């Protein structure tokens, strides 16, 4: 083979190495909390690519979403859910994202109406209800920090909860940003929830870390708020509480005892918005 032929061969190898690949995605939302969903069971997309995932979530230069979810193979459950914040960083548990992942996995034929999957905080069960809503089991919660001005609870993700008189007019972004970056929550920061009671309902607005803005709903956040409500009211027994968020309504069920909060379920919608294709360059894999 001549030097010219060798040069051509190496150039073609380089071009093949750096080919772009079209990646199919679906856009879902749970009460307005929206996500890019990708079937990554072939393992093509890397676990770490913060710049690309952030770009895809950008609402001006990408698709636009509060987060991105990869559905991966799992040897011990129906699937593995990997969640990424809108800034591209790998996140902790996302309750609304988990419900959307269940609906998306069902569309791929991975599950029936009942499913068992893994997320960043371990195993989860879920059920697709007859009305299309998703019922997702959360982790039991035993730790609870009550402070003079707020409660702090980890429901798979860390949450600051402050009760205010009128959450509708509260400066959520301004106050949330300040609290999220307090030194006592370093280095990871915290999600920040503001809540007020409206009759039998709780009204919640949430500033989410990783999005660095208010979102229309936060599943782990409303779970933390209901736990805070139960503690404030010295509630024991089975509890079902409806929560109003900016994007709709969510329901939290749990059992409250002196030992903590168990059998916790987050219930709400998970809806497909549209489907499409993204271009991913294999240059990012080298």
Protein backbone atom coordinates (compact mmCIF):
# COMPACT_ATOMS: atom_id res chain seq x y z
CA UNK A 1 0.00 0.00 0.00
CA UNK A 2 1.42 3.38 -1.01
CA UNK A 3 1.94 6.30 1.33
CA UNK A 4 -0.94 8.05 -0.41
CA UNK A 5 -3.26 5.11 0.23
CA UNK A 6 -2.19 4.99 3.89
CA UNK A 7 -2.91 8.68 4.28
CA UNK A 8 -6.39 8.27 2.79
CA UNK A 9 -7.08 5.27 5.05
CA UNK A 10 -6.09 7.20 8.17
CA UNK A 11 -8.24 10.18 7.11
CA UNK A 12 -11.28 7.93 6.62
CA UNK A 13 -10.69 6.29 10.00
CA UNK A 14 -10.58 9.75 11.59
CA UNK A 15 -13.80 10.79 9.87
CA UNK A 16 -15.57 7.64 11.04
CA UNK A 17 -14.25 8.17 14.57
CA UNK A 18 -15.75 11.63 14.69
CA UNK A 19 -19.09 10.94 13.06
CA UNK A 20 -22.16 12.51 14.64
CA UNK A 21 -24.97 10.27 15.80
CA UNK A 22 -28.67 11.07 15.96
CA UNK A 23 -30.08 10.33 19.41
CA UNK A 24 -33.84 9.94 19.80
CA UNK A 25 -35.45 11.70 22.77
CA UNK A 26 -38.87 12.38 24.26
CA UNK A 27 -39.92 15.46 26.23
CA UNK A 28 -42.05 14.74 29.34
CA UNK A 29 -43.38 16.81 32.20
CA UNK A 30 -44.78 16.06 35.65
CA UNK A 31 -46.97 18.97 36.79
CA UNK A 32 -44.85 21.33 34.70
CA UNK A 33 -41.51 19.96 35.90
CA UNK A 34 -40.06 19.02 32.48
CA UNK A 35 -37.43 16.54 31.35
CA UNK A 36 -35.58 15.26 28.30
CA UNK A 37 -35.92 11.47 28.30
CA UNK A 38 -33.44 9.27 26.41
CA UNK A 39 -33.28 5.50 26.02
CA UNK A 40 -29.56 4.88 26.59
CA UNK A 41 -29.64 1.11 27.02
CA UNK A 42 -27.00 0.80 24.29
CA UNK A 43 -24.65 2.86 26.50
CA UNK A 44 -23.77 5.27 23.69
CA UNK A 45 -24.14 8.45 25.75
CA UNK A 46 -21.49 8.81 28.48
CA UNK A 47 -22.35 9.13 32.15
CA UNK A 48 -20.40 12.40 32.33
CA UNK A 49 -20.82 15.09 29.67
CA UNK A 50 -21.90 18.18 31.58
CA UNK A 51 -21.45 20.64 28.70
CA UNK A 52 -23.64 18.68 26.27
CA UNK A 53 -26.40 17.87 28.76
CA UNK A 54 -26.48 21.49 29.92
CA UNK A 55 -26.77 22.68 26.31
CA UNK A 56 -29.65 20.29 25.60
CA UNK A 57 -31.51 21.56 28.69
CA UNK A 58 -30.98 25.22 27.79
CA UNK A 59 -34.29 26.89 26.94
CA UNK A 60 -32.74 29.14 24.27
CA UNK A 61 -29.95 27.09 22.70
CA UNK A 62 -31.33 23.59 23.30
CA UNK A 63 -34.62 21.77 23.80
CA UNK A 64 -35.27 23.31 27.18
CA UNK A 65 -35.88 21.30 30.36
CA UNK A 66 -35.42 21.27 34.13
CA UNK A 67 -33.36 18.11 33.73
CA UNK A 68 -32.30 15.17 31.58
CA UNK A 69 -32.90 11.49 32.30
CA UNK A 70 -31.08 8.50 30.80
CA UNK A 71 -32.76 5.10 30.94
CA UNK A 72 -30.04 2.46 31.40
CA UNK A 73 -29.97 -1.32 31.64
CA UNK A 74 -30.14 -2.83 35.12
CA UNK A 75 -29.30 -6.40 36.09
CA UNK A 76 -31.53 -6.40 39.17
CA UNK A 77 -34.54 -4.26 38.19
CA UNK A 78 -36.57 -3.13 35.17
CA UNK A 79 -34.24 -0.21 34.48
CA UNK A 80 -31.78 2.27 35.97
CA UNK A 81 -32.63 5.97 35.96
CA UNK A 82 -29.77 8.47 35.74
CA UNK A 83 -30.85 12.04 36.43
CA UNK A 84 -29.00 15.22 35.40
CA UNK A 85 -29.77 18.76 36.53
CA UNK A 86 -30.34 21.52 33.98
CA UNK A 87 -26.73 22.63 34.53
CA UNK A 88 -25.58 19.21 33.29
CA UNK A 89 -24.39 17.91 36.66
CA UNK A 90 -25.47 14.47 37.84
CA UNK A 91 -28.26 14.99 40.35
CA UNK A 92 -29.80 13.27 43.34
CA UNK A 93 -33.32 11.81 43.30
CA UNK A 94 -35.95 13.67 41.30
CA UNK A 95 -39.49 12.61 42.24
CA UNK A 96 -41.29 14.07 39.24
CA UNK A 97 -38.48 12.84 37.01
CA UNK A 98 -38.89 9.36 38.48
CA UNK A 99 -42.59 9.34 37.63
CA UNK A 100 -41.82 10.51 34.07
CA UNK A 101 -39.13 7.83 33.77
CA UNK A 102 -41.71 5.17 34.65
CA UNK A 103 -44.11 6.44 31.97
CA UNK A 104 -41.29 6.63 29.39
CA UNK A 105 -39.98 3.17 30.28
CA UNK A 106 -43.49 1.81 29.83
CA UNK A 107 -43.62 3.32 26.33
CA UNK A 108 -40.39 1.42 25.55
CA UNK A 109 -41.98 -1.85 26.65
CA UNK A 110 -39.69 -2.21 29.68
CA UNK A 111 -42.49 -2.32 32.24
CA UNK A 112 -46.16 -3.03 32.71
CA UNK A 113 -48.40 -1.08 35.06
CA UNK A 114 -46.19 -2.10 37.98
CA UNK A 115 -42.45 -1.54 37.95
CA UNK A 116 -39.34 -1.75 40.06
CA UNK A 117 -36.32 0.37 39.16
CA UNK A 118 -33.10 1.86 40.54
CA UNK A 119 -32.25 5.55 40.98
CA UNK A 120 -29.43 7.43 42.70
CA UNK A 121 -30.85 6.73 46.16
CA UNK A 122 -31.58 3.04 45.58
CA UNK A 123 -34.64 0.96 44.73
CA UNK A 124 -38.12 2.30 43.95
CA UNK A 125 -41.49 0.77 43.20
CA UNK A 126 -44.06 2.52 41.03
CA UNK A 127 -47.49 1.97 39.54
CA UNK A 128 -49.27 3.43 36.53
CA UNK A 129 -52.83 4.15 37.70
CA UNK A 130 -55.97 3.79 35.57
CA UNK A 131 -56.19 7.59 35.15
CA UNK A 132 -52.64 7.70 33.79
CA UNK A 133 -51.10 9.17 36.93
CA UNK A 134 -47.96 7.59 38.38
CA UNK A 135 -47.70 6.44 41.99
CA UNK A 136 -44.03 6.39 43.02
CA UNK A 137 -42.74 5.04 46.31
CA UNK A 138 -40.20 7.29 48.00
CA UNK A 139 -37.61 6.34 50.60
CA UNK A 140 -38.56 6.27 54.29
CA UNK A 141 -37.45 9.38 56.17
CA UNK A 142 -36.23 9.28 59.77
CA UNK A 143 -34.02 12.36 60.00
CA UNK A 144 -35.73 15.71 60.57
CA UNK A 145 -34.14 19.03 61.52
CA UNK A 146 -36.43 21.66 63.01
CA UNK A 147 -34.99 25.16 63.31
CA UNK A 148 -36.57 28.40 64.45
CA UNK A 149 -37.17 29.69 60.91
CA UNK A 150 -37.18 26.53 58.81
CA UNK A 151 -37.19 22.73 58.63
CA UNK A 152 -34.51 20.72 56.83
CA UNK A 153 -35.37 17.27 55.45
CA UNK A 154 -33.69 14.87 53.04
CA UNK A 155 -36.26 13.02 50.92
CA UNK A 156 -33.72 11.64 48.43
CA UNK A 157 -32.63 15.24 47.83
CA UNK A 158 -31.98 17.89 50.51
CA UNK A 159 -34.79 20.38 51.17
CA UNK A 160 -35.11 23.59 53.14
CA UNK A 161 -38.78 24.30 54.05
CA UNK A 162 -40.00 27.71 55.21
CA UNK A 163 -43.63 28.50 56.05
CA UNK A 164 -44.80 31.93 54.91
CA UNK A 165 -48.07 33.84 55.08
CA UNK A 166 -48.64 34.32 51.35
CA UNK A 167 -46.46 32.17 49.10
CA UNK A 168 -48.11 33.57 45.97
CA UNK A 169 -46.46 36.97 46.41
CA UNK A 170 -43.26 35.70 48.06
CA UNK A 171 -39.90 36.54 46.32
CA UNK A 172 -39.06 32.88 45.72
CA UNK A 173 -36.13 33.33 43.34
CA UNK A 174 -34.43 36.08 45.34
CA UNK A 175 -34.77 34.34 48.69
CA UNK A 176 -34.24 30.86 47.29
CA UNK A 177 -30.95 31.77 45.65
CA UNK A 178 -29.65 33.30 48.87
CA UNK A 179 -30.63 30.31 51.02
CA UNK A 180 -29.42 27.71 48.48
CA UNK A 181 -25.87 29.09 48.75
CA UNK A 182 -25.64 29.43 52.54
CA UNK A 183 -22.43 28.06 53.99
CA UNK A 184 -24.27 25.59 56.25
CA UNK A 185 -25.51 23.78 53.13
CA UNK A 186 -22.12 23.72 51.38
CA UNK A 187 -20.71 22.21 49.31
CA UNK A 188 -23.73 20.75 47.53
CA UNK A 189 -26.27 23.39 48.44
CA UNK A 190 -29.95 22.71 49.00
CA UNK A 191 -33.33 22.99 47.34
CA UNK A 192 -35.54 25.66 48.89
CA UNK A 193 -39.31 25.42 49.42
CA UNK A 194 -41.73 28.11 50.55
CA UNK A 195 -45.20 27.01 51.63
CA UNK A 196 -48.48 28.39 52.94
CA UNK A 197 -51.81 26.75 53.75
CA UNK A 198 -54.88 27.35 51.61
CA UNK A 199 -57.76 25.60 53.34
CA UNK A 200 -57.18 21.86 53.10
CA UNK A 201 -54.39 22.35 50.55
CA UNK A 202 -50.75 23.25 50.86
CA UNK A 203 -49.41 25.71 48.29
CA UNK A 204 -45.71 25.23 47.49
CA UNK A 205 -43.18 27.09 45.39
CA UNK A 206 -39.66 25.70 44.99
CA UNK A 207 -36.24 27.06 44.02
CA UNK A 208 -34.19 24.11 42.73
CA UNK A 209 -30.43 23.78 42.86
CA UNK A 210 -28.95 22.69 39.53
CA UNK A 211 -31.72 24.57 37.74
CA UNK A 212 -30.87 27.71 39.75
CA UNK A 213 -34.38 29.02 39.35
CA UNK A 214 -37.95 28.37 40.43
CA UNK A 215 -39.51 25.28 38.84
CA UNK A 216 -43.22 24.61 38.36
CA UNK A 217 -43.11 21.57 40.64
CA UNK A 218 -40.68 19.51 42.72
CA UNK A 219 -41.65 16.01 43.83
CA UNK A 220 -39.05 15.53 46.57
CA UNK A 221 -39.86 19.10 47.65
CA UNK A 222 -43.60 18.56 48.17
CA UNK A 223 -42.76 15.33 50.02
CA UNK A 224 -40.54 17.32 52.39
CA UNK A 225 -43.28 19.93 52.82
CA UNK A 226 -45.89 17.31 53.81
CA UNK A 227 -43.43 15.85 56.35
CA UNK A 228 -42.90 19.36 57.72
CA UNK A 229 -46.69 19.85 57.95
CA UNK A 230 -47.11 16.56 59.84
CA UNK A 231 -44.40 17.57 62.32
CA UNK A 232 -45.88 21.06 62.85
CA UNK A 233 -49.31 19.55 63.51
CA UNK A 234 -48.06 16.64 65.63
CA UNK A 235 -49.82 14.29 63.22
CA UNK A 236 -49.67 10.51 63.62
CA UNK A 237 -51.20 7.78 61.49
CA UNK A 238 -51.96 7.50 57.78
CA UNK A 239 -51.83 10.80 55.95
CA UNK A 240 -52.94 11.87 52.48
CA UNK A 241 -52.25 15.48 51.54
CA UNK A 242 -52.89 17.31 48.28
CA UNK A 243 -50.35 19.96 47.35
CA UNK A 244 -50.80 22.78 44.85
CA UNK A 245 -47.72 23.67 42.83
CA UNK A 246 -47.29 26.22 40.06
CA UNK A 247 -47.78 23.49 37.44
CA UNK A 248 -50.79 21.71 38.94
CA UNK A 249 -51.39 19.34 41.84
CA UNK A 250 -49.50 16.49 43.46
CA UNK A 251 -50.59 14.12 46.22
CA UNK A 252 -48.41 12.67 48.97
CA UNK A 253 -49.37 9.62 51.04
CA UNK A 254 -47.42 8.40 54.06
CA UNK A 255 -47.57 6.80 57.48
CA UNK A 256 -46.39 8.98 60.36
CA UNK A 257 -45.19 7.52 63.66
CA UNK A 258 -42.80 8.34 66.47
CA UNK A 259 -40.14 6.45 64.48
CA UNK A 260 -40.38 8.60 61.37
CA UNK A 261 -42.15 8.73 58.03
CA UNK A 262 -42.68 5.52 56.08
CA UNK A 263 -44.61 4.03 53.17
CA UNK A 264 -44.32 7.37 51.35
CA UNK A 265 -45.89 7.67 47.90
CA UNK A 266 -45.76 10.59 45.47
CA UNK A 267 -48.73 10.65 43.07
CA UNK A 268 -49.29 12.85 40.05
CA UNK A 269 -49.25 13.20 36.27
CA UNK A 270 -46.46 12.28 33.87
CA UNK A 271 -47.21 13.35 30.32
CA UNK A 272 -45.38 13.15 27.01
CA UNK A 273 -45.08 16.50 25.22
CA UNK A 274 -43.23 15.61 22.00
CA UNK A 275 -40.47 13.46 20.48
CA UNK A 276 -37.50 14.31 18.30
CA UNK A 277 -33.82 13.71 17.58
CA UNK A 278 -30.63 15.26 18.93
CA UNK A 279 -27.18 15.25 17.36
CA UNK A 280 -24.38 13.94 19.55
CA UNK A 281 -20.80 14.12 18.30
CA UNK A 282 -18.56 11.16 19.10
CA UNK A 283 -15.76 13.71 19.53
CA UNK A 284 -17.20 14.13 23.03
CA UNK A 285 -16.36 10.51 23.79
CA UNK A 286 -12.60 10.89 23.22
